[in-house]
Structure formats: structure tokens, C-alpha cells
Amino acid sequence: MKAAFEDVESRRGDASFVAYHLQVPAFPFKWHYHPEYELTLISRGAGRRLVGDNEAAFAAGDLVLLGPGLPHTWASGRSSRAGARAVVIQFDERFAASFLQWPESAKLATMLTASVRGLHFPARKVRPVAAAIEALPTLQGIERTLALVRILDLLAAQKPQPLASPYFTTAKGRETERRINKVCGHIHRHAAEPLTLATAAALIHLSPSAFCRFFKRVTGKTFSDYVNDVRIGHACSLLSGTDGSVAEAAFASGFESLTYFNRVFARKKGLSPRAYRARMATINEHV
């Protein structure tokens, strides 16, 4: 069973890490991996959890920490009227390195190293941190970052159960991961500049046509769609966090046409850039 690559980086925008509430009728079977650590708390729902070569039942209160590149999925048995709900927190190794260098982080570093197999925290150990995990996606600024470090520190004091066997190895291929990380890193570093498919293809020594097939197969997106996702994420940060005009946000994010930016933004976000800014201003007034 081949795991699909999940693009977490473009969802991050200008934040240090990703944190969101997931509300769906049921958790679909989606066997996937990503280069980021992931902490997932199931708030509602039940079914089967697969992590590496481990399969087990899950229910509300299920808390798992996943290391980079570890294939996983939660799959509901069936849809219910109440639906399924989870809190998902994803952060990369660069973010982790920013606090793992502290002497006080020794236990935390040990836990993250062990998470390469996936770690399951018993329900009785989850209750003290569940409320903090649920609240984290609603926090802003440095408070949000400090809350995550505090949660990880509390979990590092527990004794979680490893999930995948010590002998489990992924079948996705190190070379594929190296290639896609190189391309995605280039896109994020240069999103505000002109980006061409030919340049991206040359980075990993593929022809443009071969690169298109490779990129779509690994990410599930076309090259242009991925670039637009990254640029729209940056534009959202500018629209909600600065007083610059819509045009300034568009051009600073790498769009060369304001008309095209407005069209892509509306398609991705379901509203215009001005409406998005107004909505974020209203939300901030109530935070």
C-alpha cells in the first residue's frame, strides 16, 4: 500500500506551524505521510487507526504523536449524525530545532526522536492536556507558540506506547522525498519572484513533461496550483496583518496581475480579498 504525500507547508503560510480543528462527517481512509511532526487528538468519532505497520481501534480521546515521514490514517467505521472531529497540529524539524537546543528540552528531544514509530498516549494521560490542545488553534502570536511547547513538554513527562514496529520502513522512497522537498523548498523561498516550471524541473534534472507527471503524482496538485496556494497563503497573512492595499499584497506575494490574483483568491477562499480582510478584522475585534 503506497502512501500519498500530503502538502502541509503551503497550509502553514507565514505561521511557525499548522494547527486546526477538523470537522467531517467521517474520517476517510487516506494513507499518507508528510515531512512534519503531527500531534492529533480525536475529539469525536471512532474507527481504526493505522500508523506504519500498526493497526488499532480508536475513539474520542485518542492522542498520537507522529514523526516525520511516518505513513498514517484514521478511518471511521461509518458516518454518524454527530460527525467526526479532531485537532491537528503539524510542525517541521526547523521549528522543533528552535527549542530542542535548550538544556531543559532533553526529555522533549527524546520523545520527538521516539515519535519516528508513532507514540500513543493513554486516555488517562490525555485529560490534563486535552483542553490546551483544543484551545491551541484559536490562539494568536507568541501565545500560540508557547502553548505548543508547553503541551509537548507535558507529554514528554508521560510514557507513551510506540506504535509501528522498530523494523518498519516506508516504501515511499527517499529519493522521491528528497526531490519533492527540494522543489517545495525552492517554491517557498522564491514565491514572491517569478517561478517557472522549467526552472523547477531543472532542479531535480527532469524534463518539463516528466516533472509535471512527477509533481502531480507526489503532491496531488499541478505545479501552478501549488505555487498559487503558497502565494495566496502569503497574501492572506499580508491582508490580515498589514494595512497595505490589496494590490500591494498581490504583488508582494508574487502575482503579476491584480485581476488574476482576485480570480485565484476568490476560487481558493470563496470570497474576495477585500471581504477576507473585513472578515479577519471582525474576528480580531472579538479575540
Protein backbone atom coordinates (compact mmCIF):
# COMPACT_ATOMS: atom_id res chain seq x y z
CA MET A 1 0.00 0.00 0.00
CA LYS A 2 1.72 3.18 -1.20
CA ALA A 3 1.40 6.29 0.97
CA ALA A 4 0.48 9.59 -0.67
CA PHE A 5 2.45 12.76 0.03
CA GLU A 6 0.47 15.41 1.94
CA ASP A 7 1.43 19.05 1.41
CA VAL A 8 1.44 20.70 4.84
CA GLU A 9 3.88 23.51 4.04
CA SER A 10 1.54 25.52 1.80
CA ARG A 11 -1.13 25.44 4.52
CA ARG A 12 1.29 26.94 7.04
CA GLY A 13 1.52 30.37 5.38
CA ASP A 14 3.66 32.71 7.49
CA ALA A 15 2.93 30.90 10.78
CA SER A 16 5.55 28.79 12.54
CA PHE A 17 3.33 25.71 12.48
CA VAL A 18 -0.12 24.47 11.45
CA ALA A 19 -2.95 23.97 13.96
CA TYR A 20 -6.61 23.49 13.09
CA HIS A 21 -9.89 21.83 14.04
CA LEU A 22 -11.02 19.17 11.57
CA GLN A 23 -14.78 18.57 11.41
CA VAL A 24 -16.06 15.96 8.92
CA PRO A 25 -18.97 13.50 8.66
CA ALA A 26 -16.42 10.68 8.98
CA PHE A 27 -12.66 10.28 8.81
CA PRO A 28 -11.91 8.90 5.33
CA PHE A 29 -9.23 6.30 4.72
CA LYS A 30 -6.32 8.42 3.48
CA TRP A 31 -2.99 6.64 3.80
CA HIS A 32 -0.44 9.46 3.64
CA TYR A 33 2.77 10.93 5.00
CA HIS A 34 4.46 14.34 5.29
CA PRO A 35 7.86 15.65 6.45
CA GLU A 36 6.35 17.34 9.52
CA TYR A 37 5.71 16.06 13.04
CA GLU A 38 1.99 15.71 13.77
CA LEU A 39 0.06 15.71 17.05
CA THR A 40 -3.55 14.59 16.55
CA LEU A 41 -6.28 14.48 19.21
CA ILE A 42 -9.58 12.80 18.32
CA SER A 43 -12.40 14.79 19.93
CA ARG A 44 -15.27 12.82 18.41
CA GLY A 45 -15.51 9.66 16.34
CA ALA A 46 -14.34 6.05 16.34
CA GLY A 47 -12.85 3.56 13.92
CA ARG A 48 -9.44 2.10 13.03
CA ARG A 49 -6.10 3.88 13.29
CA LEU A 50 -3.17 2.82 11.07
CA VAL A 51 0.35 4.05 11.83
CA GLY A 52 3.18 2.38 9.95
CA ASP A 53 2.60 -1.35 10.37
CA ASN A 54 0.38 -0.89 13.46
CA GLU A 55 -3.42 -1.11 13.34
CA ALA A 56 -5.69 -0.47 16.32
CA ALA A 57 -9.11 0.83 17.27
CA PHE A 58 -9.53 4.48 18.20
CA ALA A 59 -12.23 6.54 19.91
CA ALA A 60 -12.66 10.02 21.35
CA GLY A 61 -9.63 10.94 23.44
CA ASP A 62 -7.16 9.20 21.13
CA LEU A 63 -3.90 11.17 21.11
CA VAL A 64 -0.96 10.28 18.86
CA LEU A 65 2.35 11.97 18.06
CA LEU A 66 3.76 11.10 14.63
CA GLY A 67 7.32 11.61 13.46
CA PRO A 68 8.30 12.97 10.03
CA GLY A 69 7.63 10.68 7.07
CA LEU A 70 5.56 8.11 9.01
CA PRO A 71 2.53 6.92 6.97
CA HIS A 72 -0.76 7.06 8.86
CA THR A 73 -4.53 7.44 8.71
CA TRP A 74 -7.59 7.44 10.93
CA ALA A 75 -10.60 5.81 9.27
CA SER A 76 -14.12 5.95 10.70
CA GLY A 77 -16.24 2.82 10.58
CA ARG A 78 -19.15 4.82 9.18
CA SER A 79 -20.62 8.33 9.17
CA SER A 80 -22.71 9.38 12.14
CA ARG A 81 -25.08 12.23 12.81
CA ALA A 82 -22.59 13.68 15.30
CA GLY A 83 -19.77 13.50 12.75
CA ALA A 84 -16.05 13.18 13.45
CA ARG A 85 -13.82 15.84 14.94
CA ALA A 86 -10.09 16.18 15.62
CA VAL A 87 -7.45 18.74 16.50
CA VAL A 88 -4.40 18.53 14.22
CA ILE A 89 -1.07 20.22 14.97
CA GLN A 90 1.80 19.94 12.47
CA PHE A 91 5.30 21.41 12.79
CA ASP A 92 8.54 20.85 10.94
CA GLU A 93 12.01 19.93 12.15
CA ARG A 94 13.27 23.50 11.82
CA PHE A 95 10.62 24.68 14.27
CA ALA A 96 11.44 21.85 16.67
CA ALA A 97 15.16 22.66 16.47
CA SER A 98 14.44 26.18 17.75
CA PHE A 99 13.62 24.84 21.24
CA LEU A 100 15.34 21.45 21.29
CA GLN A 101 18.68 23.21 21.78
CA TRP A 102 17.61 24.25 25.30
CA PRO A 103 19.09 22.10 28.11
CA GLU A 104 15.58 21.89 29.58
CA SER A 105 14.32 20.14 26.43
CA ALA A 106 16.19 16.86 26.89
CA LYS A 107 13.06 14.79 27.59
CA LEU A 108 11.22 16.54 24.78
CA ALA A 109 14.02 15.70 22.34
CA THR A 110 13.88 12.06 23.41
CA MET A 111 10.12 11.98 22.79
CA LEU A 112 10.40 13.51 19.32
CA THR A 113 13.14 11.04 18.40
CA ALA A 114 10.91 8.16 19.52
CA SER A 115 7.97 9.54 17.52
CA VAL A 116 9.54 8.08 14.35
CA ARG A 117 7.48 4.98 15.28
CA GLY A 118 4.41 6.96 16.32
CA LEU A 119 3.52 7.40 20.01
CA HIS A 120 0.11 6.75 21.56
CA PHE A 121 -0.76 8.43 24.86
CA PRO A 122 -3.18 6.56 27.18
CA ALA A 123 -6.56 8.26 27.66
CA ARG A 124 -5.98 8.86 31.38
CA LYS A 125 -2.82 10.79 30.49
CA VAL A 126 -4.57 12.85 27.83
CA ARG A 127 -7.18 14.56 30.01
CA PRO A 128 -4.80 17.12 31.62
CA VAL A 129 -3.64 18.41 28.22
CA ALA A 130 -6.78 17.88 26.09
CA ALA A 131 -8.24 21.31 26.87
CA ALA A 132 -4.96 23.02 25.98
CA ILE A 133 -4.76 21.12 22.68
CA GLU A 134 -8.37 22.01 21.84
CA ALA A 135 -7.72 25.69 22.52
CA LEU A 136 -4.40 25.97 20.67
CA PRO A 137 -5.79 26.62 17.13
CA THR A 138 -7.65 29.68 18.46
CA LEU A 139 -4.55 31.33 19.92
CA GLN A 140 -2.51 34.04 18.21
CA GLY A 141 1.11 35.17 18.10
CA ILE A 142 3.72 34.09 20.63
CA GLU A 143 0.99 32.77 22.95
CA ARG A 144 0.25 30.09 20.34
CA THR A 145 3.89 29.01 20.09
CA LEU A 146 4.40 28.93 23.86
CA ALA A 147 1.22 26.86 24.27
CA LEU A 148 2.53 24.21 21.85
CA VAL A 149 5.90 23.99 23.62
CA ARG A 150 4.09 23.65 26.95
CA ILE A 151 1.86 20.86 25.59
CA LEU A 152 4.85 18.96 24.20
CA ASP A 153 6.71 19.41 27.49
CA LEU A 154 3.78 17.93 29.43
CA LEU A 155 3.57 14.98 27.05
CA ALA A 156 7.32 14.37 27.32
CA ALA A 157 6.80 13.57 31.01
CA GLN A 158 4.43 10.70 30.09
CA LYS A 159 5.24 7.16 29.00
CA PRO A 160 3.53 6.72 25.62
CA GLN A 161 3.21 3.46 23.74
CA PRO A 162 5.22 3.12 20.48
CA LEU A 163 3.01 2.07 17.57
CA ALA A 164 4.97 0.97 14.47
CA SER A 165 7.47 -1.83 14.93
CA PRO A 166 11.20 -0.96 15.17
CA TYR A 167 11.69 -2.69 11.83
CA PHE A 168 9.08 -0.75 9.90
CA THR A 169 10.37 1.14 6.87
CA THR A 170 8.34 3.25 4.48
CA ALA A 171 8.02 2.41 0.83
CA LYS A 172 7.65 5.93 -0.46
CA GLY A 173 11.31 6.23 -1.41
CA ARG A 174 13.99 8.52 -0.01
CA GLU A 175 14.83 9.85 -3.45
CA THR A 176 11.24 10.93 -4.07
CA GLU A 177 11.14 12.68 -0.70
CA ARG A 178 14.47 14.41 -1.37
CA ARG A 179 13.28 15.62 -4.76
CA ILE A 180 9.90 16.95 -3.65
CA ASN A 181 11.38 18.67 -0.60
CA LYS A 182 13.96 20.38 -2.82
CA VAL A 183 11.28 21.66 -5.21
CA CYS A 184 8.84 22.75 -2.49
CA GLY A 185 11.62 24.49 -0.58
CA HIS A 186 12.56 26.41 -3.73
CA ILE A 187 8.93 27.45 -4.27
CA HIS A 188 8.54 28.75 -0.73
CA ARG A 189 11.82 30.64 -0.75
CA HIS A 190 11.10 32.32 -4.08
CA ALA A 191 7.29 32.54 -4.12
CA ALA A 192 7.36 36.33 -4.41
CA GLU A 193 9.56 36.09 -7.51
CA PRO A 194 8.79 34.76 -11.00
CA LEU A 195 8.68 30.95 -10.86
CA THR A 196 8.76 28.77 -13.94
CA LEU A 197 8.03 25.11 -14.37
CA ALA A 198 11.22 24.71 -16.42
CA THR A 199 13.38 26.06 -13.59
CA ALA A 200 11.72 23.79 -11.03
CA ALA A 201 12.15 20.77 -13.32
CA ALA A 202 15.85 21.56 -13.80
CA LEU A 203 16.36 21.49 -10.02
CA ILE A 204 15.74 17.74 -9.99
CA HIS A 205 17.02 17.05 -13.52
CA LEU A 206 13.70 16.22 -15.16
CA SER A 207 12.19 17.38 -18.44
CA PRO A 208 9.17 19.71 -18.03
CA SER A 209 6.72 16.97 -19.08
CA ALA A 210 8.27 14.38 -16.74
CA PHE A 211 8.34 16.93 -13.93
CA CYS A 212 4.61 17.68 -14.38
CA ARG A 213 3.77 13.99 -14.01
CA PHE A 214 6.11 13.59 -11.02
CA PHE A 215 4.85 16.67 -9.18
CA LYS A 216 1.16 15.82 -9.68
CA ARG A 217 1.69 12.20 -8.64
CA VAL A 218 3.52 13.12 -5.41
CA THR A 219 1.59 16.22 -4.27
CA GLY A 220 -1.80 15.68 -5.90
CA LYS A 221 -1.57 19.19 -7.36
CA THR A 222 -0.25 20.77 -10.53
CA PHE A 223 2.84 22.94 -10.22
CA SER A 224 0.87 26.16 -10.88
CA ASP A 225 -1.83 25.22 -8.36
CA TYR A 226 0.77 24.56 -5.67
CA VAL A 227 2.51 27.87 -6.38
CA ASN A 228 -0.82 29.68 -6.20
CA ASP A 229 -1.61 28.03 -2.84
CA VAL A 230 1.68 29.27 -1.40
CA ARG A 231 1.20 32.78 -2.78
CA ILE A 232 -2.40 33.03 -1.60
CA GLY A 233 -1.31 31.92 1.88
CA HIS A 234 1.24 34.75 1.97
CA ALA A 235 -1.31 37.24 0.66
CA CYS A 236 -3.74 36.23 3.42
CA SER A 237 -1.07 36.97 6.01
CA LEU A 238 -0.50 40.44 4.50
CA LEU A 239 -4.21 41.21 4.22
CA SER A 240 -4.89 40.30 7.84
CA GLY A 241 -1.68 41.60 9.37
CA THR A 242 -0.85 44.82 7.49
CA ASP A 243 -2.59 47.95 6.26
CA GLY A 244 -1.26 47.71 2.71
CA SER A 245 -3.62 47.73 -0.24
CA VAL A 246 -4.96 44.60 -1.93
CA ALA A 247 -2.72 45.33 -4.91
CA GLU A 248 0.35 45.59 -2.68
CA ALA A 249 -0.48 42.22 -1.09
CA ALA A 250 -0.93 40.67 -4.52
CA PHE A 251 2.35 41.91 -5.97
CA ALA A 252 4.33 41.20 -2.77
CA SER A 253 3.08 37.61 -2.92
CA GLY A 254 4.32 37.03 -6.45
CA PHE A 255 1.23 37.77 -8.57
CA GLU A 256 1.93 39.91 -11.61
CA SER A 257 -1.74 40.63 -12.44
CA LEU A 258 -4.25 42.03 -9.96
CA THR A 259 -7.14 40.63 -12.00
CA TYR A 260 -5.64 37.15 -11.92
CA PHE A 261 -4.92 37.46 -8.18
CA ASN A 262 -8.54 38.40 -7.44
CA ARG A 263 -9.81 35.47 -9.51
CA VAL A 264 -7.48 32.93 -7.87
CA PHE A 265 -8.15 34.30 -4.39
CA ALA A 266 -11.93 34.03 -4.83
CA ARG A 267 -11.58 30.47 -6.12
CA LYS A 268 -9.33 29.38 -3.26
CA LYS A 269 -11.00 31.23 -0.39
CA GLY A 270 -14.59 31.60 -1.55
CA LEU A 271 -14.61 35.38 -1.15
CA SER A 272 -12.77 38.44 -2.43
CA PRO A 273 -9.55 39.76 -0.86
CA ARG A 274 -11.43 42.79 0.50
CA ALA A 275 -14.12 40.61 2.02
CA TYR A 276 -11.43 38.37 3.54
CA ARG A 277 -9.72 41.37 5.13
CA ALA A 278 -13.05 42.60 6.52
CA ARG A 279 -13.85 39.18 7.96
CA MET A 280 -10.42 38.89 9.63
CA ALA A 281 -10.78 42.41 11.08
CA THR A 282 -14.12 41.39 12.61
CA ILE A 283 -12.63 38.22 14.07
CA ASN A 284 -9.69 40.12 15.56
CA GLU A 285 -12.05 42.57 17.25
CA HIS A 286 -13.53 39.70 19.22
CA VAL A 287 -10.27 37.98 20.16
